[in-house]
Amino acid sequence: MLEDVHTLNGPRKRDPVPTVRRILVHSTGNAAGQQAARAKRPARATEDLEKVRRGAHGRYCNTPEKITARIGMITKTRRVASCLRTEVGQDDSLCRRRE
């Protein structure tokens, strides 16, 4: 637990400047929960990316641009952009139509 004194300035110079006591408390329960959530992020992002990989030649995710957009949404939603590197390519042999 930490304790200090903090002054709050108002929006105008003529406003009174109150001094307040500030107490900072560390919660080990919150810290443990946040650590567990951080550990789950890459696993959930991997699951989502695997779904994109499986559906890459499907009806909705059929171009590199759409796949890149979907990966961007996953990295933003799962908050893993700082630790995730992806590369999207195209294999022309898979894109041929069956005749």
PDB file of N, CA and C in Angstrom:
ATOM      1  N   MET A   1       0.846  -1.166   0.000  1.00  0.00           N
ATOM      2  CA  MET A   1       0.000   0.000   0.000  1.00  0.00           C
ATOM      3  C   MET A   1       0.891   1.228   0.000  1.00  0.00           C
ATOM      4  N   LEU A   2       0.594   2.163  -0.874  1.00  0.00           N
ATOM      5  CA  LEU A   2       1.315   3.430  -0.953  1.00  0.00           C
ATOM      6  C   LEU A   2       0.355   4.567  -0.663  1.00  0.00           C
ATOM      7  N   GLU A   3       0.887   5.610  -0.058  1.00  0.00           N
ATOM      8  CA  GLU A   3       0.062   6.765   0.267  1.00  0.00           C
ATOM      9  C   GLU A   3       0.854   8.014  -0.063  1.00  0.00           C
ATOM     10  N   ASP A   4       0.173   8.994  -0.694  1.00  0.00           N
ATOM     11  CA  ASP A   4       0.809  10.278  -0.949  1.00  0.00           C
ATOM     12  C   ASP A   4      -0.254  11.365  -0.983  1.00  0.00           C
ATOM     13  N   VAL A   5       0.182  12.592  -1.245  1.00  0.00           N
ATOM     14  CA  VAL A   5      -0.711  13.750  -1.319  1.00  0.00           C
ATOM     15  C   VAL A   5      -0.690  14.248  -2.757  1.00  0.00           C
ATOM     16  N   HIS A   6      -1.869  14.573  -3.275  1.00  0.00           N
ATOM     17  CA  HIS A   6      -1.994  15.003  -4.668  1.00  0.00           C
ATOM     18  C   HIS A   6      -2.825  16.278  -4.707  1.00  0.00           C
ATOM     19  N   THR A   7      -2.408  17.241  -5.542  1.00  0.00           N
ATOM     20  CA  THR A   7      -3.189  18.473  -5.705  1.00  0.00           C
ATOM     21  C   THR A   7      -3.911  18.420  -7.041  1.00  0.00           C
ATOM     22  N   LEU A   8      -5.152  18.856  -7.027  1.00  0.00           N
ATOM     23  CA  LEU A   8      -5.987  18.851  -8.230  1.00  0.00           C
ATOM     24  C   LEU A   8      -6.175  20.282  -8.710  1.00  0.00           C
ATOM     25  N   ASN A   9      -5.741  20.558  -9.912  1.00  0.00           N
ATOM     26  CA  ASN A   9      -5.931  21.882 -10.490  1.00  0.00           C
ATOM     27  C   ASN A   9      -7.262  21.920 -11.218  1.00  0.00           C
ATOM     28  N   GLY A  10      -7.982  23.014 -11.062  1.00  0.00           N
ATOM     29  CA  GLY A  10      -9.257  23.168 -11.741  1.00  0.00           C
ATOM     30  C   GLY A  10      -9.056  23.623 -13.173  1.00  0.00           C
ATOM     31  N   PRO A  11     -10.139  23.693 -13.945  1.00  0.00           N
ATOM     32  CA  PRO A  11     -10.018  24.115 -15.339  1.00  0.00           C
ATOM     33  C   PRO A  11      -9.643  25.601 -15.481  1.00  0.00           C
ATOM     34  N   ARG A  12      -9.979  26.408 -14.472  1.00  0.00           N
ATOM     35  CA  ARG A  12      -9.633  27.829 -14.509  1.00  0.00           C
ATOM     36  C   ARG A  12      -8.615  28.138 -13.423  1.00  0.00           C
ATOM     37  N   LYS A  13      -7.810  29.165 -13.634  1.00  0.00           N
ATOM     38  CA  LYS A  13      -6.765  29.509 -12.663  1.00  0.00           C
ATOM     39  C   LYS A  13      -7.345  29.975 -11.333  1.00  0.00           C
ATOM     40  N   ARG A  14      -8.508  30.586 -11.386  1.00  0.00           N
ATOM     41  CA  ARG A  14      -9.100  31.112 -10.138  1.00  0.00           C
ATOM     42  C   ARG A  14      -9.814  30.045  -9.313  1.00  0.00           C
ATOM     43  N   ASP A  15      -9.977  28.833  -9.867  1.00  0.00           N
ATOM     44  CA  ASP A  15     -10.603  27.743  -9.113  1.00  0.00           C
ATOM     45  C   ASP A  15      -9.714  27.358  -7.936  1.00  0.00           C
ATOM     46  N   PRO A  16     -10.324  26.966  -6.824  1.00  0.00           N
ATOM     47  CA  PRO A  16      -9.511  26.525  -5.682  1.00  0.00           C
ATOM     48  C   PRO A  16      -8.744  25.246  -6.044  1.00  0.00           C
ATOM     49  N   VAL A  17      -7.583  25.097  -5.427  1.00  0.00           N
ATOM     50  CA  VAL A  17      -6.729  23.943  -5.680  1.00  0.00           C
ATOM     51  C   VAL A  17      -6.805  23.034  -4.456  1.00  0.00           C
ATOM     52  N   PRO A  18      -7.665  22.008  -4.503  1.00  0.00           N
ATOM     53  CA  PRO A  18      -7.773  21.122  -3.342  1.00  0.00           C
ATOM     54  C   PRO A  18      -6.600  20.140  -3.283  1.00  0.00           C
ATOM     55  N   THR A  19      -6.218  19.811  -2.090  1.00  0.00           N
ATOM     56  CA  THR A  19      -5.191  18.804  -1.849  1.00  0.00           C
ATOM     57  C   THR A  19      -5.886  17.591  -1.264  1.00  0.00           C
ATOM     58  N   VAL A  20      -5.655  16.426  -1.890  1.00  0.00           N
ATOM     59  CA  VAL A  20      -6.319  15.203  -1.452  1.00  0.00           C
ATOM     60  C   VAL A  20      -5.279  14.143  -1.117  1.00  0.00           C
ATOM     61  N   ARG A  21      -5.664  13.253  -0.242  1.00  0.00           N
ATOM     62  CA  ARG A  21      -4.811  12.117   0.103  1.00  0.00           C
ATOM     63  C   ARG A  21      -5.124  10.991  -0.879  1.00  0.00           C
ATOM     64  N   ARG A  22      -4.074  10.381  -1.425  1.00  0.00           N
ATOM     65  CA  ARG A  22      -4.248   9.328  -2.413  1.00  0.00           C
ATOM     66  C   ARG A  22      -3.621   8.050  -1.862  1.00  0.00           C
ATOM     67  N   ILE A  23      -4.402   6.957  -1.910  1.00  0.00           N
ATOM     68  CA  ILE A  23      -3.936   5.663  -1.416  1.00  0.00           C
ATOM     69  C   ILE A  23      -3.968   4.680  -2.581  1.00  0.00           C
ATOM     70  N   LEU A  24      -2.845   4.053  -2.852  1.00  0.00           N
ATOM     71  CA  LEU A  24      -2.731   3.069  -3.923  1.00  0.00           C
ATOM     72  C   LEU A  24      -2.585   1.693  -3.296  1.00  0.00           C
ATOM     73  N   VAL A  25      -3.470   0.779  -3.695  1.00  0.00           N
ATOM     74  CA  VAL A  25      -3.487  -0.563  -3.117  1.00  0.00           C
ATOM     75  C   VAL A  25      -3.259  -1.573  -4.241  1.00  0.00           C
ATOM     76  N   HIS A  26      -2.352  -2.511  -4.033  1.00  0.00           N
ATOM     77  CA  HIS A  26      -2.098  -3.581  -5.003  1.00  0.00           C
ATOM     78  C   HIS A  26      -2.951  -4.794  -4.633  1.00  0.00           C
ATOM     79  N   SER A  27      -3.659  -5.308  -5.612  1.00  0.00           N
ATOM     80  CA  SER A  27      -4.507  -6.475  -5.397  1.00  0.00           C
ATOM     81  C   SER A  27      -3.852  -7.686  -6.051  1.00  0.00           C
ATOM     82  N   THR A  28      -3.448  -8.657  -5.272  1.00  0.00           N
ATOM     83  CA  THR A  28      -2.840  -9.865  -5.832  1.00  0.00           C
ATOM     84  C   THR A  28      -3.878 -10.697  -6.585  1.00  0.00           C
ATOM     85  N   GLY A  29      -5.124 -10.634  -6.156  1.00  0.00           N
ATOM     86  CA  GLY A  29      -6.189 -11.353  -6.863  1.00  0.00           C
ATOM     87  C   GLY A  29      -6.398 -10.795  -8.260  1.00  0.00           C
ATOM     88  N   ASN A  30      -6.449  -9.459  -8.379  1.00  0.00           N
ATOM     89  CA  ASN A  30      -6.585  -8.842  -9.704  1.00  0.00           C
ATOM     90  C   ASN A  30      -5.365  -9.123 -10.564  1.00  0.00           C
ATOM     91  N   ALA A  31      -4.179  -9.061  -9.982  1.00  0.00           N
ATOM     92  CA  ALA A  31      -2.951  -9.308 -10.738  1.00  0.00           C
ATOM     93  C   ALA A  31      -2.920 -10.742 -11.269  1.00  0.00           C
ATOM     94  N   ALA A  32      -3.352 -11.698 -10.464  1.00  0.00           N
ATOM     95  CA  ALA A  32      -3.379 -13.093 -10.901  1.00  0.00           C
ATOM     96  C   ALA A  32      -4.402 -13.293 -12.020  1.00  0.00           C
ATOM     97  N   GLY A  33      -5.548 -12.657 -11.896  1.00  0.00           N
ATOM     98  CA  GLY A  33      -6.575 -12.757 -12.933  1.00  0.00           C
ATOM     99  C   GLY A  33      -6.121 -12.140 -14.249  1.00  0.00           C
ATOM    100  N   GLN A  34      -5.450 -10.999 -14.176  1.00  0.00           N
ATOM    101  CA  GLN A  34      -4.946 -10.357 -15.385  1.00  0.00           C
ATOM    102  C   GLN A  34      -3.846 -11.194 -16.034  1.00  0.00           C
ATOM    103  N   GLN A  35      -3.018 -11.811 -15.237  1.00  0.00           N
ATOM    104  CA  GLN A  35      -1.961 -12.666 -15.774  1.00  0.00           C
ATOM    105  C   GLN A  35      -2.559 -13.882 -16.484  1.00  0.00           C
ATOM    106  N   ALA A  36      -3.594 -14.465 -15.902  1.00  0.00           N
ATOM    107  CA  ALA A  36      -4.264 -15.608 -16.533  1.00  0.00           C
ATOM    108  C   ALA A  36      -4.913 -15.198 -17.852  1.00  0.00           C
ATOM    109  N   ALA A  37      -5.518 -14.009 -17.875  1.00  0.00           N
ATOM    110  CA  ALA A  37      -6.146 -13.521 -19.099  1.00  0.00           C
ATOM    111  C   ALA A  37      -5.104 -13.274 -20.186  1.00  0.00           C
ATOM    112  N   ARG A  38      -3.947 -12.728 -19.806  1.00  0.00           N
ATOM    113  CA  ARG A  38      -2.869 -12.511 -20.775  1.00  0.00           C
ATOM    114  C   ARG A  38      -2.354 -13.828 -21.337  1.00  0.00           C
ATOM    115  N   ALA A  39      -2.335 -14.854 -20.523  1.00  0.00           N
ATOM    116  CA  ALA A  39      -1.858 -16.162 -20.983  1.00  0.00           C
ATOM    117  C   ALA A  39      -2.848 -16.796 -21.965  1.00  0.00           C
ATOM    118  N   LYS A  40      -4.133 -16.500 -21.827  1.00  0.00           N
ATOM    119  CA  LYS A  40      -5.150 -17.082 -22.697  1.00  0.00           C
ATOM    120  C   LYS A  40      -5.226 -16.401 -24.054  1.00  0.00           C
ATOM    121  N   ARG A  41      -4.796 -15.140 -24.152  1.00  0.00           N
ATOM    122  CA  ARG A  41      -4.927 -14.393 -25.398  1.00  0.00           C
ATOM    123  C   ARG A  41      -4.281 -15.081 -26.595  1.00  0.00           C
ATOM    124  N   PRO A  42      -3.018 -15.499 -26.510  1.00  0.00           N
ATOM    125  CA  PRO A  42      -2.420 -16.145 -27.689  1.00  0.00           C
ATOM    126  C   PRO A  42      -3.116 -17.453 -28.073  1.00  0.00           C
ATOM    127  N   ALA A  43      -3.581 -18.205 -27.094  1.00  0.00           N
ATOM    128  CA  ALA A  43      -4.261 -19.461 -27.394  1.00  0.00           C
ATOM    129  C   ALA A  43      -5.568 -19.207 -28.137  1.00  0.00           C
ATOM    130  N   ARG A  44      -6.311 -18.221 -27.699  1.00  0.00           N
ATOM    131  CA  ARG A  44      -7.574 -17.914 -28.376  1.00  0.00           C
ATOM    132  C   ARG A  44      -7.332 -17.334 -29.762  1.00  0.00           C
ATOM    133  N   ALA A  45      -6.303 -16.512 -29.891  1.00  0.00           N
ATOM    134  CA  ALA A  45      -5.965 -15.968 -31.207  1.00  0.00           C
ATOM    135  C   ALA A  45      -5.547 -17.089 -32.149  1.00  0.00           C
ATOM    136  N   THR A  46      -4.808 -18.067 -31.643  1.00  0.00           N
ATOM    137  CA  THR A  46      -4.390 -19.207 -32.461  1.00  0.00           C
ATOM    138  C   THR A  46      -5.602 -19.991 -32.947  1.00  0.00           C
ATOM    139  N   GLU A  47      -6.588 -20.190 -32.094  1.00  0.00           N
ATOM    140  CA  GLU A  47      -7.819 -20.877 -32.497  1.00  0.00           C
ATOM    141  C   GLU A  47      -8.526 -20.110 -33.611  1.00  0.00           C
ATOM    142  N   ASP A  48      -8.628 -18.793 -33.449  1.00  0.00           N
ATOM    143  CA  ASP A  48      -9.287 -17.974 -34.466  1.00  0.00           C
ATOM    144  C   ASP A  48      -8.529 -18.009 -35.786  1.00  0.00           C
ATOM    145  N   LEU A  49      -7.205 -17.945 -35.710  1.00  0.00           N
ATOM    146  CA  LEU A  49      -6.396 -17.982 -36.931  1.00  0.00           C
ATOM    147  C   LEU A  49      -6.491 -19.344 -37.622  1.00  0.00           C
ATOM    148  N   GLU A  50      -6.620 -20.389 -36.845  1.00  0.00           N
ATOM    149  CA  GLU A  50      -6.785 -21.722 -37.422  1.00  0.00           C
ATOM    150  C   GLU A  50      -8.119 -21.815 -38.175  1.00  0.00           C
ATOM    151  N   LYS A  51      -9.160 -21.180 -37.650  1.00  0.00           N
ATOM    152  CA  LYS A  51     -10.447 -21.149 -38.357  1.00  0.00           C
ATOM    153  C   LYS A  51     -10.320 -20.404 -39.677  1.00  0.00           C
ATOM    154  N   VAL A  52      -9.558 -19.308 -39.672  1.00  0.00           N
ATOM    155  CA  VAL A  52      -9.342 -18.559 -40.913  1.00  0.00           C
ATOM    156  C   VAL A  52      -8.569 -19.420 -41.908  1.00  0.00           C
ATOM    157  N   ARG A  53      -7.552 -20.136 -41.430  1.00  0.00           N
ATOM    158  CA  ARG A  53      -6.759 -20.986 -42.316  1.00  0.00           C
ATOM    159  C   ARG A  53      -7.617 -22.075 -42.947  1.00  0.00           C
ATOM    160  N   ARG A  54      -8.478 -22.693 -42.141  1.00  0.00           N
ATOM    161  CA  ARG A  54      -9.338 -23.760 -42.674  1.00  0.00           C
ATOM    162  C   ARG A  54     -10.348 -23.225 -43.679  1.00  0.00           C
ATOM    163  N   GLY A  55     -10.824 -22.022 -43.481  1.00  0.00           N
ATOM    164  CA  GLY A  55     -11.831 -21.457 -44.372  1.00  0.00           C
ATOM    165  C   GLY A  55     -11.264 -20.546 -45.445  1.00  0.00           C
ATOM    166  N   ALA A  56      -9.958 -20.588 -45.653  1.00  0.00           N
ATOM    167  CA  ALA A  56      -9.312 -19.655 -46.577  1.00  0.00           C
ATOM    168  C   ALA A  56      -9.797 -19.789 -48.011  1.00  0.00           C
ATOM    169  N   HIS A  57     -10.210 -20.963 -48.433  1.00  0.00           N
ATOM    170  CA  HIS A  57     -10.663 -21.136 -49.809  1.00  0.00           C
ATOM    171  C   HIS A  57     -12.171 -21.305 -49.874  1.00  0.00           C
ATOM    172  N   GLY A  58     -12.828 -20.804 -48.866  1.00  0.00           N
ATOM    173  CA  GLY A  58     -14.280 -20.936 -48.814  1.00  0.00           C
ATOM    174  C   GLY A  58     -14.982 -19.817 -49.543  1.00  0.00           C
ATOM    175  N   ARG A  59     -16.201 -19.636 -49.188  1.00  0.00           N
ATOM    176  CA  ARG A  59     -17.056 -18.693 -49.890  1.00  0.00           C
ATOM    177  C   ARG A  59     -16.770 -17.244 -49.498  1.00  0.00           C
ATOM    178  N   TYR A  60     -16.462 -16.987 -48.212  1.00  0.00           N
ATOM    179  CA  TYR A  60     -16.363 -15.618 -47.734  1.00  0.00           C
ATOM    180  C   TYR A  60     -14.925 -15.116 -47.623  1.00  0.00           C
ATOM    181  N   CYS A  61     -13.994 -15.961 -47.307  1.00  0.00           N
ATOM    182  CA  CYS A  61     -12.590 -15.566 -47.166  1.00  0.00           C
ATOM    183  C   CYS A  61     -11.801 -16.149 -48.317  1.00  0.00           C
ATOM    184  N   ASN A  62     -11.997 -15.633 -49.524  1.00  0.00           N
ATOM    185  CA  ASN A  62     -11.389 -16.272 -50.680  1.00  0.00           C
ATOM    186  C   ASN A  62     -10.319 -15.426 -51.363  1.00  0.00           C
ATOM    187  N   THR A  63      -9.981 -14.254 -50.845  1.00  0.00           N
ATOM    188  CA  THR A  63      -8.917 -13.435 -51.425  1.00  0.00           C
ATOM    189  C   THR A  63      -7.919 -13.078 -50.333  1.00  0.00           C
ATOM    190  N   PRO A  64      -6.671 -12.826 -50.703  1.00  0.00           N
ATOM    191  CA  PRO A  64      -5.677 -12.432 -49.696  1.00  0.00           C
ATOM    192  C   PRO A  64      -6.066 -11.162 -48.936  1.00  0.00           C
ATOM    193  N   GLU A  65      -6.749 -10.242 -49.593  1.00  0.00           N
ATOM    194  CA  GLU A  65      -7.165  -9.005 -48.928  1.00  0.00           C
ATOM    195  C   GLU A  65      -8.182  -9.281 -47.822  1.00  0.00           C
ATOM    196  N   LYS A  66      -9.139 -10.155 -48.108  1.00  0.00           N
ATOM    197  CA  LYS A  66     -10.150 -10.501 -47.108  1.00  0.00           C
ATOM    198  C   LYS A  66      -9.523 -11.259 -45.943  1.00  0.00           C
ATOM    199  N   ILE A  67      -8.583 -12.135 -46.245  1.00  0.00           N
ATOM    200  CA  ILE A  67      -7.912 -12.890 -45.187  1.00  0.00           C
ATOM    201  C   ILE A  67      -7.080 -11.959 -44.321  1.00  0.00           C
ATOM    202  N   THR A  68      -6.374 -11.013 -44.954  1.00  0.00           N
ATOM    203  CA  THR A  68      -5.572 -10.048 -44.210  1.00  0.00           C
ATOM    204  C   THR A  68      -6.459  -9.181 -43.318  1.00  0.00           C
ATOM    205  N   ALA A  69      -7.610  -8.776 -43.832  1.00  0.00           N
ATOM    206  CA  ALA A  69      -8.543  -7.981 -43.024  1.00  0.00           C
ATOM    207  C   ALA A  69      -9.045  -8.782 -41.831  1.00  0.00           C
ATOM    208  N   ARG A  70      -9.350 -10.034 -42.045  1.00  0.00           N
ATOM    209  CA  ARG A  70      -9.827 -10.902 -40.953  1.00  0.00           C
ATOM    210  C   ARG A  70      -8.739 -11.097 -39.905  1.00  0.00           C
ATOM    211  N   ILE A  71      -7.494 -11.301 -40.345  1.00  0.00           N
ATOM    212  CA  ILE A  71      -6.378 -11.441 -39.397  1.00  0.00           C
ATOM    213  C   ILE A  71      -6.195 -10.150 -38.604  1.00  0.00           C
ATOM    214  N   GLY A  72      -6.333  -9.017 -39.268  1.00  0.00           N
ATOM    215  CA  GLY A  72      -6.234  -7.730 -38.577  1.00  0.00           C
ATOM    216  C   GLY A  72      -7.296  -7.576 -37.507  1.00  0.00           C
ATOM    217  N   MET A  73      -8.500  -8.040 -37.800  1.00  0.00           N
ATOM    218  CA  MET A  73      -9.570  -7.962 -36.810  1.00  0.00           C
ATOM    219  C   MET A  73      -9.276  -8.881 -35.620  1.00  0.00           C
ATOM    220  N   ILE A  74      -8.749 -10.060 -35.886  1.00  0.00           N
ATOM    221  CA  ILE A  74      -8.421 -10.992 -34.805  1.00  0.00           C
ATOM    222  C   ILE A  74      -7.343 -10.410 -33.908  1.00  0.00           C
ATOM    223  N   THR A  75      -6.292  -9.841 -34.515  1.00  0.00           N
ATOM    224  CA  THR A  75      -5.205  -9.286 -33.694  1.00  0.00           C
ATOM    225  C   THR A  75      -5.677  -8.103 -32.865  1.00  0.00           C
ATOM    226  N   LYS A  76      -6.590  -7.316 -33.404  1.00  0.00           N
ATOM    227  CA  LYS A  76      -7.122  -6.179 -32.651  1.00  0.00           C
ATOM    228  C   LYS A  76      -8.050  -6.651 -31.533  1.00  0.00           C
ATOM    229  N   THR A  77      -8.931  -7.581 -31.856  1.00  0.00           N
ATOM    230  CA  THR A  77      -9.896  -8.079 -30.872  1.00  0.00           C
ATOM    231  C   THR A  77      -9.207  -8.818 -29.726  1.00  0.00           C
ATOM    232  N   ARG A  78      -8.258  -9.664 -30.080  1.00  0.00           N
ATOM    233  CA  ARG A  78      -7.561 -10.482 -29.070  1.00  0.00           C
ATOM    234  C   ARG A  78      -6.372  -9.763 -28.441  1.00  0.00           C
ATOM    235  N   ARG A  79      -6.065  -8.584 -28.922  1.00  0.00           N
ATOM    236  CA  ARG A  79      -4.960  -7.748 -28.412  1.00  0.00           C
ATOM    237  C   ARG A  79      -3.631  -8.505 -28.395  1.00  0.00           C
ATOM    238  N   VAL A  80      -3.278  -9.070 -29.550  1.00  0.00           N
ATOM    239  CA  VAL A  80      -2.023  -9.811 -29.678  1.00  0.00           C
ATOM    240  C   VAL A  80      -1.153  -9.258 -30.814  1.00  0.00           C
ATOM    241  N   ALA A  81      -1.436  -8.050 -31.270  1.00  0.00           N
ATOM    242  CA  ALA A  81      -0.703  -7.490 -32.408  1.00  0.00           C
ATOM    243  C   ALA A  81       0.784  -7.344 -32.121  1.00  0.00           C
ATOM    244  N   SER A  82       1.144  -7.086 -30.877  1.00  0.00           N
ATOM    245  CA  SER A  82       2.558  -6.872 -30.556  1.00  0.00           C
ATOM    246  C   SER A  82       3.368  -8.164 -30.598  1.00  0.00           C
ATOM    247  N   CYS A  83       2.730  -9.304 -30.479  1.00  0.00           N
ATOM    248  CA  CYS A  83       3.475 -10.561 -30.438  1.00  0.00           C
ATOM    249  C   CYS A  83       3.123 -11.505 -31.581  1.00  0.00           C
ATOM    250  N   LEU A  84       2.409 -11.022 -32.586  1.00  0.00           N
ATOM    251  CA  LEU A  84       1.971 -11.889 -33.680  1.00  0.00           C
ATOM    252  C   LEU A  84       2.517 -11.390 -35.003  1.00  0.00           C
ATOM    253  N   ARG A  85       3.104 -12.293 -35.760  1.00  0.00           N
ATOM    254  CA  ARG A  85       3.589 -11.988 -37.104  1.00  0.00           C
ATOM    255  C   ARG A  85       2.917 -12.961 -38.064  1.00  0.00           C
ATOM    256  N   THR A  86       2.300 -12.434 -39.112  1.00  0.00           N
ATOM    257  CA  THR A  86       1.608 -13.286 -40.075  1.00  0.00           C
ATOM    258  C   THR A  86       2.089 -12.963 -41.479  1.00  0.00           C
ATOM    259  N   GLU A  87       1.898 -13.923 -42.348  1.00  0.00           N
ATOM    260  CA  GLU A  87       2.220 -13.745 -43.760  1.00  0.00           C
ATOM    261  C   GLU A  87       1.128 -14.435 -44.562  1.00  0.00           C
ATOM    262  N   VAL A  88       0.555 -13.715 -45.504  1.00  0.00           N
ATOM    263  CA  VAL A  88      -0.519 -14.252 -46.324  1.00  0.00           C
ATOM    264  C   VAL A  88       0.016 -14.419 -47.739  1.00  0.00           C
ATOM    265  N   GLY A  89      -0.122 -15.608 -48.268  1.00  0.00           N
ATOM    266  CA  GLY A  89       0.310 -15.891 -49.630  1.00  0.00           C
ATOM    267  C   GLY A  89      -0.798 -16.584 -50.388  1.00  0.00           C
ATOM    268  N   GLN A  90      -0.523 -16.842 -51.651  1.00  0.00           N
ATOM    269  CA  GLN A  90      -1.529 -17.503 -52.470  1.00  0.00           C
ATOM    270  C   GLN A  90      -0.859 -18.610 -53.269  1.00  0.00           C
ATOM    271  N   ASP A  91      -1.452 -19.787 -53.223  1.00  0.00           N
ATOM    272  CA  ASP A  91      -0.974 -20.928 -53.989  1.00  0.00           C
ATOM    273  C   ASP A  91      -1.903 -21.075 -55.187  1.00  0.00           C
ATOM    274  N   ASP A  92      -1.383 -20.801 -56.376  1.00  0.00           N
ATOM    275  CA  ASP A  92      -2.220 -20.795 -57.579  1.00  0.00           C
ATOM    276  C   ASP A  92      -2.778 -22.172 -57.905  1.00  0.00           C
ATOM    277  N   SER A  93      -2.111 -23.229 -57.469  1.00  0.00           N
ATOM    278  CA  SER A  93      -2.621 -24.564 -57.790  1.00  0.00           C
ATOM    279  C   SER A  93      -3.930 -24.843 -57.062  1.00  0.00           C
ATOM    280  N   LEU A  94      -4.159 -24.186 -55.947  1.00  0.00           N
ATOM    281  CA  LEU A  94      -5.400 -24.401 -55.209  1.00  0.00           C
ATOM    282  C   LEU A  94      -6.534 -23.559 -55.737  1.00  0.00           C
ATOM    283  N   CYS A  95      -6.214 -22.542 -56.546  1.00  0.00           N
ATOM    284  CA  CYS A  95      -7.246 -21.622 -57.010  1.00  0.00           C
ATOM    285  C   CYS A  95      -7.848 -22.029 -58.352  1.00  0.00           C
ATOM    286  N   ARG A  96      -7.324 -23.069 -58.983  1.00  0.00           N
ATOM    287  CA  ARG A  96      -7.862 -23.501 -60.268  1.00  0.00           C
ATOM    288  C   ARG A  96      -9.265 -24.087 -60.101  1.00  0.00           C
ATOM    289  N   ARG A  97     -10.085 -23.817 -61.052  1.00  0.00           N
ATOM    290  CA  ARG A  97     -11.437 -24.384 -61.008  1.00  0.00           C
ATOM    291  C   ARG A  97     -11.388 -25.813 -61.502  1.00  0.00           C
ATOM    292  N   ARG A  98     -12.221 -26.609 -60.930  1.00  0.00           N
ATOM    293  CA  ARG A  98     -12.331 -27.998 -61.385  1.00  0.00           C
ATOM    294  C   ARG A  98     -13.219 -28.045 -62.618  1.00  0.00           C
ATOM    295  N   GLU A  99     -12.735 -28.698 -63.628  1.00  0.00           N
ATOM    296  CA  GLU A  99     -13.516 -28.744 -64.873  1.00  0.00           C
ATOM    297  C   GLU A  99     -14.109 -30.106 -65.082  1.00  0.00           C
TER     298      GLU A  99
END
